[in-house]
Amino acid sequence: MSFRVVIDSCGELTDEMKKSGNFVSAPLTLQVDEYIVQDDEEHFNQAEFLKKVAECPNCPKSSCPSPEIYRDAYDCDADHVYAVTLSEKLSGSYNSAVLGKNLYLEDHPDAKVYVFNSCSASVGETLIGLKIQELEEKGLSFEEVVEQTEAYILSQDTWFVLENLDTLRKNGRLGTVKALVATALKIKPVMGSTDEGTIIQLDQARGMKRALVKMVDSIEEKKSSDPQERMVGIAHCNCPQRAEMVKEEILKRLPFKDVILVNTAGVSTMYANDGGIIVVA
């Protein structure tokens, strides 16, 4: 059976995913004051965007893909179509993808389309897309792929350490979490996600390096039972050496079967800010 996976642009596509022809991106739109850019390879430039964010006193914003963008992405010759969106608790992308599905099914009532709420973001969506591919290539039925992917999503955990939480806080993405005002002490919180896809604070440390070590401590504690059966994804915002250091530290402790490293796409760049690290396993 042929398949297509539509991933909103908060999730990064690896080069292999792009070449496969099975994955397409549904772009969000980013805005920094009067500067508006579509989050896709043709229009988004990370260095330019980070420069505009740094120079602007106002908070950058994003808007999710329209239902029509999703509907058009579902319109293909594939037997099975899946969408993966960033957490429903953080964006309207999931609801938009569901509305797009309903629009598509009005004209194609027999089509097999399913929308996954990642309960994560960034490279978490990437890993979900790769899980769908793995299950499809095993020859599982549409219903089995959906069931096992939903179980995989429940088993995922997300961690991140950012240079600052300003964008998340100003855009209301931290919920009840208090953004630390401790710049002088260089306090860096270690953040994570709940099963529902909301953001929580797990720990904190003075300085980025110590915070990253605490993050790896948490990963080791949470994933020590079956790492050889799992992939880990690391997304970085313009800090490849930092990402490599995190990768090495994780693999010193846990024998994950594979690790993928990606540079953040537009939406993840907006929230992670320069120097941010996101890990999903």
Protein backbone atom coordinates (compact mmCIF):
# COMPACT_ATOMS: atom_id res chain seq x y z
CA MET A 1 0.00 0.00 0.00
CA SER A 2 1.19 3.53 -0.77
CA PHE A 3 1.11 6.19 1.92
CA ARG A 4 1.62 9.89 2.53
CA VAL A 5 2.46 11.65 5.80
CA VAL A 6 1.64 15.35 6.12
CA ILE A 7 3.67 16.97 8.92
CA ASP A 8 3.10 20.58 9.91
CA SER A 9 6.21 22.72 9.63
CA CYS A 10 6.93 22.66 13.35
CA GLY A 11 8.25 19.17 12.60
CA GLU A 12 11.54 18.89 10.74
CA LEU A 13 11.87 16.62 7.70
CA THR A 14 15.23 14.88 7.31
CA ASP A 15 16.86 14.75 3.88
CA GLU A 16 15.89 11.08 3.61
CA MET A 17 12.26 11.88 4.38
CA LYS A 18 12.22 14.59 1.70
CA LYS A 19 13.75 12.26 -0.89
CA SER A 20 11.35 9.40 -0.15
CA GLY A 21 8.36 11.19 -1.65
CA ASN A 22 6.15 9.97 1.21
CA PHE A 23 6.36 13.12 3.32
CA VAL A 24 5.07 16.63 2.73
CA SER A 25 5.06 19.69 4.96
CA ALA A 26 2.06 21.86 5.81
CA PRO A 27 3.63 25.31 6.42
CA LEU A 28 2.74 27.60 9.26
CA THR A 29 3.23 31.35 8.83
CA LEU A 30 5.65 33.35 10.98
CA GLN A 31 5.49 37.05 11.77
CA VAL A 32 7.96 39.48 13.34
CA ASP A 33 6.20 42.86 13.33
CA GLU A 34 5.70 43.70 9.65
CA TYR A 35 7.90 40.84 8.44
CA ILE A 36 5.79 37.81 7.45
CA VAL A 37 7.26 34.60 6.06
CA GLN A 38 5.90 31.18 5.17
CA ASP A 39 7.67 28.41 7.03
CA ASP A 40 8.97 26.37 4.13
CA GLU A 41 12.32 25.73 2.47
CA GLU A 42 11.73 28.29 -0.25
CA HIS A 43 10.97 31.24 2.02
CA PHE A 44 12.34 30.63 5.54
CA ASN A 45 15.94 31.58 6.27
CA GLN A 46 16.97 30.78 9.83
CA ALA A 47 19.82 33.30 10.10
CA GLU A 48 17.68 36.12 8.71
CA PHE A 49 14.77 35.22 10.97
CA LEU A 50 16.90 35.05 14.13
CA LYS A 51 18.40 38.45 13.26
CA LYS A 52 14.94 40.01 12.88
CA VAL A 53 13.78 38.47 16.17
CA ALA A 54 16.88 39.78 17.97
CA GLU A 55 16.35 43.29 16.60
CA CYS A 56 12.62 43.43 17.31
CA PRO A 57 11.32 44.43 20.77
CA ASN A 58 8.03 42.64 20.11
CA CYS A 59 7.40 38.93 20.30
CA PRO A 60 7.29 36.88 17.07
CA LYS A 61 4.07 35.04 16.33
CA SER A 62 2.91 32.09 14.26
CA SER A 63 -0.35 31.08 12.61
CA CYS A 64 -1.31 27.53 11.74
CA PRO A 65 -1.99 26.14 8.26
CA SER A 66 -5.54 26.62 7.04
CA PRO A 67 -7.90 23.64 6.70
CA GLU A 68 -7.65 24.13 2.93
CA ILE A 69 -3.86 23.65 3.02
CA TYR A 70 -4.37 20.34 4.77
CA ARG A 71 -7.21 19.31 2.46
CA ASP A 72 -5.00 19.91 -0.57
CA ALA A 73 -2.12 17.99 1.04
CA TYR A 74 -4.40 14.97 1.56
CA ASP A 75 -5.41 15.02 -2.10
CA CYS A 76 -3.04 12.47 -3.61
CA ASP A 77 -2.92 8.95 -5.03
CA ALA A 78 -1.77 7.34 -1.77
CA ASP A 79 -3.93 4.58 -0.28
CA HIS A 80 -3.28 5.76 3.29
CA VAL A 81 -2.87 9.38 4.35
CA TYR A 82 -1.75 10.55 7.77
CA ALA A 83 -1.19 13.98 9.30
CA VAL A 84 1.07 14.75 12.26
CA THR A 85 0.64 18.09 14.01
CA LEU A 86 2.27 19.83 16.92
CA SER A 87 0.51 19.45 20.27
CA GLU A 88 -3.15 20.43 20.25
CA LYS A 89 -2.46 22.23 23.54
CA LEU A 90 0.08 24.52 21.85
CA SER A 91 -1.45 25.31 18.46
CA GLY A 92 -4.58 25.23 16.34
CA SER A 93 -2.77 23.10 13.77
CA TYR A 94 -4.40 19.85 14.93
CA ASN A 95 -7.93 21.26 14.70
CA SER A 96 -7.14 22.74 11.30
CA ALA A 97 -5.85 19.35 10.09
CA VAL A 98 -9.05 17.67 11.30
CA LEU A 99 -11.21 20.25 9.54
CA GLY A 100 -9.16 19.72 6.40
CA LYS A 101 -9.75 15.99 6.69
CA ASN A 102 -13.50 16.53 6.96
CA LEU A 103 -13.44 18.78 3.89
CA TYR A 104 -11.51 16.16 1.94
CA LEU A 105 -13.82 13.34 2.99
CA GLU A 106 -16.85 15.25 1.70
CA ASP A 107 -15.56 14.61 -1.83
CA HIS A 108 -13.68 11.37 -1.07
CA PRO A 109 -15.83 9.54 1.50
CA ASP A 110 -13.93 6.26 1.16
CA ALA A 111 -10.47 7.76 1.67
CA LYS A 112 -8.38 6.57 4.61
CA VAL A 113 -7.11 9.67 6.41
CA TYR A 114 -6.06 10.00 10.03
CA VAL A 115 -4.75 12.98 12.02
CA PHE A 116 -2.29 12.43 14.88
CA ASN A 117 -1.96 14.94 17.70
CA SER A 118 1.74 14.56 18.45
CA CYS A 119 1.40 15.91 22.02
CA SER A 120 4.91 17.16 21.21
CA ALA A 121 6.60 19.41 18.66
CA SER A 122 9.67 19.72 16.46
CA VAL A 123 11.67 16.49 16.19
CA GLY A 124 8.93 14.68 18.13
CA GLU A 125 6.77 15.02 15.03
CA THR A 126 9.69 13.81 12.92
CA LEU A 127 9.98 10.61 14.96
CA ILE A 128 6.24 9.99 14.68
CA GLY A 129 6.47 10.34 10.90
CA LEU A 130 9.33 7.82 10.84
CA LYS A 131 7.30 5.43 13.01
CA ILE A 132 4.44 5.61 10.51
CA GLN A 133 6.88 4.86 7.70
CA GLU A 134 8.33 1.89 9.61
CA LEU A 135 4.87 0.40 10.23
CA GLU A 136 3.70 1.01 6.65
CA GLU A 137 6.83 -0.68 5.27
CA LYS A 138 6.08 -3.70 7.45
CA GLY A 139 2.80 -4.06 5.56
CA LEU A 140 0.47 -3.30 8.46
CA SER A 141 -3.11 -2.29 7.78
CA PHE A 142 -4.22 1.33 8.07
CA GLU A 143 -5.98 0.56 11.35
CA GLU A 144 -2.91 -1.18 12.77
CA VAL A 145 -0.66 1.72 11.80
CA VAL A 146 -3.01 4.14 13.57
CA GLU A 147 -3.23 1.99 16.70
CA GLN A 148 0.50 1.38 17.03
CA THR A 149 1.42 4.99 16.23
CA GLU A 150 -0.98 6.28 18.88
CA ALA A 151 0.66 3.91 21.37
CA TYR A 152 4.08 5.21 20.30
CA ILE A 153 2.97 8.81 20.87
CA LEU A 154 1.90 7.89 24.41
CA SER A 155 5.35 6.41 25.03
CA GLN A 156 7.22 9.52 23.84
CA ASP A 157 8.79 12.08 26.14
CA THR A 158 10.01 15.56 25.23
CA TRP A 159 12.72 17.63 26.91
CA PHE A 160 14.18 21.02 26.05
CA VAL A 161 16.60 23.61 27.36
CA LEU A 162 16.48 27.11 25.90
CA GLU A 163 18.59 30.21 26.36
CA ASN A 164 15.37 31.98 27.36
CA LEU A 165 11.64 31.28 27.55
CA ASP A 166 10.47 34.74 26.44
CA THR A 167 8.76 33.68 23.21
CA LEU A 168 6.96 30.76 24.85
CA ARG A 169 5.86 32.94 27.75
CA LYS A 170 4.71 35.93 25.68
CA ASN A 171 2.74 33.67 23.35
CA GLY A 172 0.99 32.00 26.27
CA ARG A 173 2.54 28.57 25.71
CA LEU A 174 3.83 28.06 29.25
CA GLY A 175 0.42 27.86 30.90
CA THR A 176 0.94 27.82 34.66
CA VAL A 177 4.73 27.51 34.39
CA LYS A 178 6.48 30.62 35.64
CA ALA A 179 9.21 31.85 33.30
CA LEU A 180 12.25 32.34 35.49
CA VAL A 181 13.59 35.84 35.77
CA ALA A 182 17.14 34.99 36.78
CA THR A 183 19.25 36.24 33.92
CA ALA A 184 21.98 37.55 36.20
CA LEU A 185 22.41 34.11 37.74
CA LYS A 186 22.22 32.40 34.33
CA ILE A 187 19.57 29.98 35.63
CA LYS A 188 18.40 27.68 32.85
CA PRO A 189 15.24 25.62 33.40
CA VAL A 190 15.00 22.06 32.10
CA MET A 191 11.57 21.77 30.50
CA GLY A 192 9.46 18.84 29.41
CA SER A 193 6.00 17.90 28.23
CA THR A 194 3.08 16.16 29.90
CA ASP A 195 1.23 13.23 28.33
CA GLU A 196 -1.39 15.76 27.20
CA GLY A 197 1.20 17.90 25.42
CA THR A 198 1.44 20.83 27.82
CA ILE A 199 4.77 22.23 29.06
CA ILE A 200 6.17 21.64 32.52
CA GLN A 201 9.41 22.51 34.30
CA LEU A 202 11.42 19.45 35.32
CA ASP A 203 14.55 20.97 36.85
CA GLN A 204 16.94 23.90 36.61
CA ALA A 205 20.64 24.62 36.77
CA ARG A 206 23.06 27.50 36.63
CA GLY A 207 24.41 27.70 33.10
CA MET A 208 23.47 25.97 29.88
CA LYS A 209 25.98 23.13 30.18
CA ARG A 210 24.77 22.07 33.62
CA ALA A 211 21.16 22.33 32.51
CA LEU A 212 21.86 20.07 29.53
CA VAL A 213 23.49 17.51 31.84
CA LYS A 214 20.41 17.59 34.08
CA MET A 215 18.28 17.06 30.99
CA VAL A 216 20.31 13.99 30.06
CA ASP A 217 19.95 12.78 33.68
CA SER A 218 16.18 12.94 33.21
CA ILE A 219 16.37 11.13 29.87
CA GLU A 220 18.46 8.38 31.43
CA GLU A 221 16.00 7.97 34.28
CA LYS A 222 12.93 7.91 32.04
CA LYS A 223 14.23 5.74 29.17
CA SER A 224 16.51 3.23 30.91
CA SER A 225 14.17 0.26 30.41
CA ASP A 226 14.19 -0.21 26.62
CA PRO A 227 16.52 2.30 24.89
CA GLN A 228 17.76 -0.27 22.36
CA GLU A 229 14.22 -0.40 20.97
CA ARG A 230 13.89 3.37 20.55
CA MET A 231 15.14 6.24 18.42
CA VAL A 232 16.05 9.57 19.93
CA GLY A 233 15.70 12.83 18.07
CA ILE A 234 17.68 15.99 18.80
CA ALA A 235 16.75 19.35 17.30
CA HIS A 236 19.00 22.35 17.71
CA CYS A 237 18.58 26.01 16.85
CA ASN A 238 21.82 27.12 15.23
CA CYS A 239 24.06 25.20 17.66
CA PRO A 240 25.26 21.95 16.02
CA GLN A 241 28.23 21.50 18.37
CA ARG A 242 25.95 21.73 21.40
CA ALA A 243 23.64 19.13 19.82
CA GLU A 244 26.59 16.80 19.17
CA MET A 245 27.64 17.14 22.80
CA VAL A 246 24.14 16.20 23.96
CA LYS A 247 24.11 13.24 21.56
CA GLU A 248 27.44 11.96 22.86
CA GLU A 249 26.35 12.33 26.48
CA ILE A 250 23.10 10.46 25.83
CA LEU A 251 24.85 7.60 24.01
CA LYS A 252 27.40 7.27 26.81
CA ARG A 253 24.55 6.32 29.08
CA LEU A 254 21.88 4.67 26.93
CA PRO A 255 22.23 2.43 23.83
CA PHE A 256 19.48 3.94 21.68
CA LYS A 257 19.13 2.12 18.37
CA ASP A 258 19.48 5.35 16.40
CA VAL A 259 19.86 9.10 16.86
CA ILE A 260 18.79 11.75 14.40
CA LEU A 261 20.02 15.34 14.51
CA VAL A 262 18.10 18.16 12.82
CA ASN A 263 18.36 21.92 12.68
CA THR A 264 15.10 23.55 13.75
CA ALA A 265 12.69 24.64 11.06
CA GLY A 266 10.85 27.96 11.33
CA VAL A 267 8.29 27.41 14.07
CA SER A 268 10.74 25.53 16.29
CA THR A 269 13.33 28.24 15.64
CA MET A 270 10.85 30.87 16.78
CA TYR A 271 10.18 29.15 20.09
CA ALA A 272 13.62 27.62 20.76
CA ASN A 273 15.50 30.83 19.97
CA ASP A 274 19.20 30.87 19.14
CA GLY A 275 21.00 28.08 21.01
CA GLY A 276 17.98 26.03 22.06
CA ILE A 277 18.05 22.21 22.28
CA ILE A 278 15.04 19.88 22.02
CA VAL A 279 15.23 16.12 22.66
CA VAL A 280 12.48 13.55 22.09
CA ALA A 281 12.72 9.84 22.86
